[in-house]
Amino acid sequence: MGSIKILNIILFILVASSTYRCEEPENTIDCNSATISLLGNWEGTLLYDAGYRQNIDLQITSNTGCTFLGTIGFEDSYTIFVVSGTVDKYGWVKFTENDYFYDGGEYTGCNGSGWSNPCDRWPFGRYKTGTKYEEARLKNNNTLLNGSFYQQASSWNSTLRGDFTLEKLG
């Protein structure tokens, strides 16, 4: 019995040590300072999985702690959205288009219904609220963000998603 206990202890140690995370913990940042560094104007592009490319302008206008507010607009649209976002302690940035700052009518003026509703497809579907931007991480001097975006689908064929790049001006 004693040798079985010793064998069990050795096996436990081997299993436990093989699942232990050996790398150093991620560096953390002061998310409040990082959010302050985001304030200002950003320009960039959305590259949709379907192949569309769209230039965007993001203006981050205020922050409270690790959260921020701003607006986002598009080169080929009059619609401007209100965005709110966060920066976490690891430097991950995410934000969402919550409401219309200015309704250009691309989506709200679109007329359609049923499964083939043109208002749920490109380009009109793009101008619904709710698009989420995430998987962007602050690095170096906090002037470049690369991540992904997606919009919740309202029908089986209307999901819009892709990658974004934003660079801070000045």
C-alpha atoms as a PDB file:
ATOM      1  CA  MET A   1       0.000   0.000   0.000  1.00  0.00           C
ATOM      2  CA  GLY A   2       2.814   2.421   0.787  1.00  0.00           C
ATOM      3  CA  SER A   3       4.335   2.079  -2.680  1.00  0.00           C
ATOM      4  CA  ILE A   4       0.939   2.753  -4.326  1.00  0.00           C
ATOM      5  CA  LYS A   5       0.581   5.977  -2.305  1.00  0.00           C
ATOM      6  CA  ILE A   6       4.064   7.066  -3.330  1.00  0.00           C
ATOM      7  CA  LEU A   7       3.303   6.221  -6.961  1.00  0.00           C
ATOM      8  CA  ASN A   8       0.050   8.221  -6.775  1.00  0.00           C
ATOM      9  CA  ILE A   9       1.881  11.202  -5.273  1.00  0.00           C
ATOM     10  CA  ILE A  10       4.535  11.079  -7.994  1.00  0.00           C
ATOM     11  CA  LEU A  11       1.866  10.828 -10.703  1.00  0.00           C
ATOM     12  CA  PHE A  12      -0.024  13.742  -9.166  1.00  0.00           C
ATOM     13  CA  ILE A  13       3.123  15.865  -9.109  1.00  0.00           C
ATOM     14  CA  LEU A  14       3.875  15.003 -12.750  1.00  0.00           C
ATOM     15  CA  VAL A  15       0.354  15.799 -13.916  1.00  0.00           C
ATOM     16  CA  ALA A  16       0.139  18.989 -11.867  1.00  0.00           C
ATOM     17  CA  SER A  17       3.511  20.232 -13.054  1.00  0.00           C
ATOM     18  CA  SER A  18       2.708  19.513 -16.691  1.00  0.00           C
ATOM     19  CA  THR A  19      -0.386  21.735 -16.575  1.00  0.00           C
ATOM     20  CA  TYR A  20       1.278  24.591 -14.713  1.00  0.00           C
ATOM     21  CA  ARG A  21       1.599  27.766 -16.748  1.00  0.00           C
ATOM     22  CA  CYS A  22       5.326  28.304 -17.028  1.00  0.00           C
ATOM     23  CA  GLU A  23       5.409  31.620 -18.827  1.00  0.00           C
ATOM     24  CA  GLU A  24       5.555  34.924 -17.034  1.00  0.00           C
ATOM     25  CA  PRO A  25       2.275  36.703 -16.314  1.00  0.00           C
ATOM     26  CA  GLU A  26       1.173  39.359 -18.804  1.00  0.00           C
ATOM     27  CA  ASN A  27       2.180  42.897 -18.054  1.00  0.00           C
ATOM     28  CA  THR A  28      -0.633  45.068 -16.817  1.00  0.00           C
ATOM     29  CA  ILE A  29      -1.165  48.741 -17.573  1.00  0.00           C
ATOM     30  CA  ASP A  30      -2.900  51.669 -15.948  1.00  0.00           C
ATOM     31  CA  CYS A  31      -6.103  51.561 -18.004  1.00  0.00           C
ATOM     32  CA  ASN A  32      -7.087  55.086 -16.924  1.00  0.00           C
ATOM     33  CA  SER A  33      -3.861  56.541 -18.364  1.00  0.00           C
ATOM     34  CA  ALA A  34      -4.223  54.373 -21.451  1.00  0.00           C
ATOM     35  CA  THR A  35      -7.762  55.638 -22.018  1.00  0.00           C
ATOM     36  CA  ILE A  36      -6.557  59.234 -21.704  1.00  0.00           C
ATOM     37  CA  SER A  37      -3.938  58.495 -24.390  1.00  0.00           C
ATOM     38  CA  LEU A  38      -6.753  57.423 -26.756  1.00  0.00           C
ATOM     39  CA  LEU A  39      -8.409  60.861 -26.702  1.00  0.00           C
ATOM     40  CA  GLY A  40      -8.282  62.523 -30.108  1.00  0.00           C
ATOM     41  CA  ASN A  41      -8.825  61.766 -33.778  1.00  0.00           C
ATOM     42  CA  TRP A  42      -8.164  58.416 -35.434  1.00  0.00           C
ATOM     43  CA  GLU A  43      -8.343  57.411 -39.101  1.00  0.00           C
ATOM     44  CA  GLY A  44      -8.421  53.954 -40.524  1.00  0.00           C
ATOM     45  CA  THR A  45     -10.059  51.288 -42.613  1.00  0.00           C
ATOM     46  CA  LEU A  46     -12.537  48.496 -42.274  1.00  0.00           C
ATOM     47  CA  LEU A  47     -11.824  45.457 -44.417  1.00  0.00           C
ATOM     48  CA  TYR A  48     -14.950  43.314 -44.582  1.00  0.00           C
ATOM     49  CA  ASP A  49     -14.650  39.545 -44.977  1.00  0.00           C
ATOM     50  CA  ALA A  50     -16.768  39.922 -48.125  1.00  0.00           C
ATOM     51  CA  GLY A  51     -14.027  42.102 -49.669  1.00  0.00           C
ATOM     52  CA  TYR A  52     -15.462  45.587 -49.127  1.00  0.00           C
ATOM     53  CA  ARG A  53     -13.093  48.299 -47.912  1.00  0.00           C
ATOM     54  CA  GLN A  54     -14.333  51.382 -46.100  1.00  0.00           C
ATOM     55  CA  ASN A  55     -12.426  54.346 -44.646  1.00  0.00           C
ATOM     56  CA  ILE A  56     -13.488  55.463 -41.176  1.00  0.00           C
ATOM     57  CA  ASP A  57     -12.905  58.340 -38.792  1.00  0.00           C
ATOM     58  CA  LEU A  58     -13.070  57.787 -35.037  1.00  0.00           C
ATOM     59  CA  GLN A  59     -13.065  60.678 -32.611  1.00  0.00           C
ATOM     60  CA  ILE A  60     -12.625  59.788 -28.941  1.00  0.00           C
ATOM     61  CA  THR A  61     -13.909  62.787 -27.031  1.00  0.00           C
ATOM     62  CA  SER A  62     -14.072  61.872 -23.339  1.00  0.00           C
ATOM     63  CA  ASN A  63     -13.107  59.295 -20.766  1.00  0.00           C
ATOM     64  CA  THR A  64     -14.042  58.293 -17.246  1.00  0.00           C
ATOM     65  CA  GLY A  65     -11.612  55.885 -15.675  1.00  0.00           C
ATOM     66  CA  CYS A  66     -11.106  53.021 -18.089  1.00  0.00           C
ATOM     67  CA  THR A  67     -14.106  53.843 -20.309  1.00  0.00           C
ATOM     68  CA  PHE A  68     -14.343  56.255 -23.222  1.00  0.00           C
ATOM     69  CA  LEU A  69     -16.935  57.877 -25.488  1.00  0.00           C
ATOM     70  CA  GLY A  70     -16.744  59.208 -29.008  1.00  0.00           C
ATOM     71  CA  THR A  71     -18.155  59.150 -32.520  1.00  0.00           C
ATOM     72  CA  ILE A  72     -17.375  57.180 -35.668  1.00  0.00           C
ATOM     73  CA  GLY A  73     -18.157  58.111 -39.276  1.00  0.00           C
ATOM     74  CA  PHE A  74     -17.554  56.642 -42.718  1.00  0.00           C
ATOM     75  CA  GLU A  75     -16.222  58.102 -45.982  1.00  0.00           C
ATOM     76  CA  ASP A  76     -19.227  57.052 -48.042  1.00  0.00           C
ATOM     77  CA  SER A  77     -21.996  57.823 -45.564  1.00  0.00           C
ATOM     78  CA  TYR A  78     -23.618  60.670 -43.708  1.00  0.00           C
ATOM     79  CA  THR A  79     -24.408  58.447 -40.716  1.00  0.00           C
ATOM     80  CA  ILE A  80     -22.324  59.032 -37.598  1.00  0.00           C
ATOM     81  CA  PHE A  81     -22.542  56.707 -34.594  1.00  0.00           C
ATOM     82  CA  VAL A  82     -21.957  57.269 -30.890  1.00  0.00           C
ATOM     83  CA  VAL A  83     -19.411  54.764 -29.575  1.00  0.00           C
ATOM     84  CA  SER A  84     -18.552  53.709 -26.047  1.00  0.00           C
ATOM     85  CA  GLY A  85     -15.665  51.516 -25.101  1.00  0.00           C
ATOM     86  CA  THR A  86     -13.256  50.226 -22.508  1.00  0.00           C
ATOM     87  CA  VAL A  87      -9.586  49.504 -22.026  1.00  0.00           C
ATOM     88  CA  ASP A  88      -8.774  46.657 -19.653  1.00  0.00           C
ATOM     89  CA  LYS A  89      -5.707  46.211 -17.446  1.00  0.00           C
ATOM     90  CA  TYR A  90      -3.931  44.258 -20.192  1.00  0.00           C
ATOM     91  CA  GLY A  91      -4.405  46.991 -22.805  1.00  0.00           C
ATOM     92  CA  TRP A  92      -7.247  45.315 -24.722  1.00  0.00           C
ATOM     93  CA  VAL A  93      -9.574  47.861 -26.324  1.00  0.00           C
ATOM     94  CA  LYS A  94     -13.171  47.231 -27.328  1.00  0.00           C
ATOM     95  CA  PHE A  95     -15.974  49.561 -28.316  1.00  0.00           C
ATOM     96  CA  THR A  96     -19.509  49.452 -29.706  1.00  0.00           C
ATOM     97  CA  GLU A  97     -21.627  51.674 -31.945  1.00  0.00           C
ATOM     98  CA  ASN A  98     -24.517  52.304 -29.528  1.00  0.00           C
ATOM     99  CA  ASP A  99     -26.675  54.978 -31.094  1.00  0.00           C
ATOM    100  CA  TYR A 100     -26.869  57.466 -33.929  1.00  0.00           C
ATOM    101  CA  PHE A 101     -25.086  60.760 -33.381  1.00  0.00           C
ATOM    102  CA  TYR A 102     -26.385  61.766 -36.806  1.00  0.00           C
ATOM    103  CA  ASP A 103     -28.821  59.598 -38.761  1.00  0.00           C
ATOM    104  CA  GLY A 104     -27.784  59.792 -42.408  1.00  0.00           C
ATOM    105  CA  GLY A 105     -30.718  57.592 -43.361  1.00  0.00           C
ATOM    106  CA  GLU A 106     -28.741  54.771 -44.996  1.00  0.00           C
ATOM    107  CA  TYR A 107     -30.364  52.223 -42.699  1.00  0.00           C
ATOM    108  CA  THR A 108     -33.251  53.989 -41.028  1.00  0.00           C
ATOM    109  CA  GLY A 109     -34.511  55.231 -44.411  1.00  0.00           C
ATOM    110  CA  CYS A 110     -34.149  51.849 -46.086  1.00  0.00           C
ATOM    111  CA  ASN A 111     -37.401  50.141 -47.060  1.00  0.00           C
ATOM    112  CA  GLY A 112     -37.670  46.385 -47.233  1.00  0.00           C
ATOM    113  CA  SER A 113     -39.030  43.302 -45.558  1.00  0.00           C
ATOM    114  CA  GLY A 114     -38.845  39.529 -45.643  1.00  0.00           C
ATOM    115  CA  TRP A 115     -35.902  37.169 -46.004  1.00  0.00           C
ATOM    116  CA  SER A 116     -34.428  39.139 -48.910  1.00  0.00           C
ATOM    117  CA  ASN A 117     -34.630  42.488 -47.095  1.00  0.00           C
ATOM    118  CA  PRO A 118     -32.015  44.793 -48.705  1.00  0.00           C
ATOM    119  CA  CYS A 119     -31.868  46.727 -45.417  1.00  0.00           C
ATOM    120  CA  ASP A 120     -30.101  43.741 -43.841  1.00  0.00           C
ATOM    121  CA  ARG A 121     -27.378  43.547 -46.503  1.00  0.00           C
ATOM    122  CA  TRP A 122     -24.446  45.607 -47.669  1.00  0.00           C
ATOM    123  CA  PRO A 123     -24.362  48.550 -47.751  1.00  0.00           C
ATOM    124  CA  PHE A 124     -27.544  49.396 -45.833  1.00  0.00           C
ATOM    125  CA  GLY A 125     -27.092  46.734 -43.141  1.00  0.00           C
ATOM    126  CA  ARG A 126     -23.798  48.336 -42.229  1.00  0.00           C
ATOM    127  CA  TYR A 127     -25.597  51.371 -40.849  1.00  0.00           C
ATOM    128  CA  LYS A 128     -27.480  49.634 -38.045  1.00  0.00           C
ATOM    129  CA  THR A 129     -26.377  50.277 -34.476  1.00  0.00           C
ATOM    130  CA  GLY A 130     -24.588  47.542 -32.573  1.00  0.00           C
ATOM    131  CA  THR A 131     -21.359  46.940 -34.472  1.00  0.00           C
ATOM    132  CA  LYS A 132     -18.682  45.748 -32.030  1.00  0.00           C
ATOM    133  CA  TYR A 133     -14.958  46.385 -32.396  1.00  0.00           C
ATOM    134  CA  GLU A 134     -12.606  44.198 -30.364  1.00  0.00           C
ATOM    135  CA  GLU A 135      -9.371  42.229 -30.196  1.00  0.00           C
ATOM    136  CA  ALA A 136      -7.339  45.433 -30.460  1.00  0.00           C
ATOM    137  CA  ARG A 137      -4.479  45.841 -28.036  1.00  0.00           C
ATOM    138  CA  LEU A 138      -2.593  48.973 -27.112  1.00  0.00           C
ATOM    139  CA  LYS A 139       1.123  48.613 -27.655  1.00  0.00           C
ATOM    140  CA  ASN A 140       4.165  50.830 -27.768  1.00  0.00           C
ATOM    141  CA  ASN A 141       3.052  54.452 -28.011  1.00  0.00           C
ATOM    142  CA  ASN A 142      -0.740  53.855 -28.193  1.00  0.00           C
ATOM    143  CA  THR A 143      -1.143  55.282 -31.699  1.00  0.00           C
ATOM    144  CA  LEU A 144      -2.162  52.150 -33.622  1.00  0.00           C
ATOM    145  CA  LEU A 145      -5.091  49.778 -33.117  1.00  0.00           C
ATOM    146  CA  ASN A 146      -5.666  46.609 -35.135  1.00  0.00           C
ATOM    147  CA  GLY A 147      -8.572  44.314 -34.389  1.00  0.00           C
ATOM    148  CA  SER A 148     -11.756  42.764 -35.647  1.00  0.00           C
ATOM    149  CA  PHE A 149     -15.337  43.944 -35.891  1.00  0.00           C
ATOM    150  CA  TYR A 150     -18.692  42.305 -36.320  1.00  0.00           C
ATOM    151  CA  GLN A 151     -22.326  43.183 -36.421  1.00  0.00           C
ATOM    152  CA  GLN A 152     -24.940  40.876 -35.012  1.00  0.00           C
ATOM    153  CA  ALA A 153     -26.928  39.306 -37.830  1.00  0.00           C
ATOM    154  CA  SER A 154     -30.592  40.110 -38.177  1.00  0.00           C
ATOM    155  CA  SER A 155     -31.123  37.365 -40.742  1.00  0.00           C
ATOM    156  CA  TRP A 156     -29.236  34.207 -41.718  1.00  0.00           C
ATOM    157  CA  ASN A 157     -27.223  35.903 -44.469  1.00  0.00           C
ATOM    158  CA  SER A 158     -26.569  39.365 -43.110  1.00  0.00           C
ATOM    159  CA  THR A 159     -23.635  39.084 -40.707  1.00  0.00           C
ATOM    160  CA  LEU A 160     -21.031  41.745 -41.406  1.00  0.00           C
ATOM    161  CA  ARG A 161     -17.559  41.158 -40.054  1.00  0.00           C
ATOM    162  CA  GLY A 162     -13.935  41.839 -40.798  1.00  0.00           C
ATOM    163  CA  ASP A 163     -10.785  43.558 -39.564  1.00  0.00           C
ATOM    164  CA  PHE A 164     -10.033  47.166 -38.752  1.00  0.00           C
ATOM    165  CA  THR A 165      -6.958  49.339 -38.499  1.00  0.00           C
ATOM    166  CA  LEU A 166      -6.957  52.735 -36.806  1.00  0.00           C
ATOM    167  CA  GLU A 167      -4.075  55.178 -36.497  1.00  0.00           C
ATOM    168  CA  LYS A 168      -4.103  58.194 -34.202  1.00  0.00           C
ATOM    169  CA  LEU A 169      -3.555  61.551 -35.893  1.00  0.00           C
ATOM    170  CA  GLY A 170      -1.151  64.123 -34.517  1.00  0.00           C
END
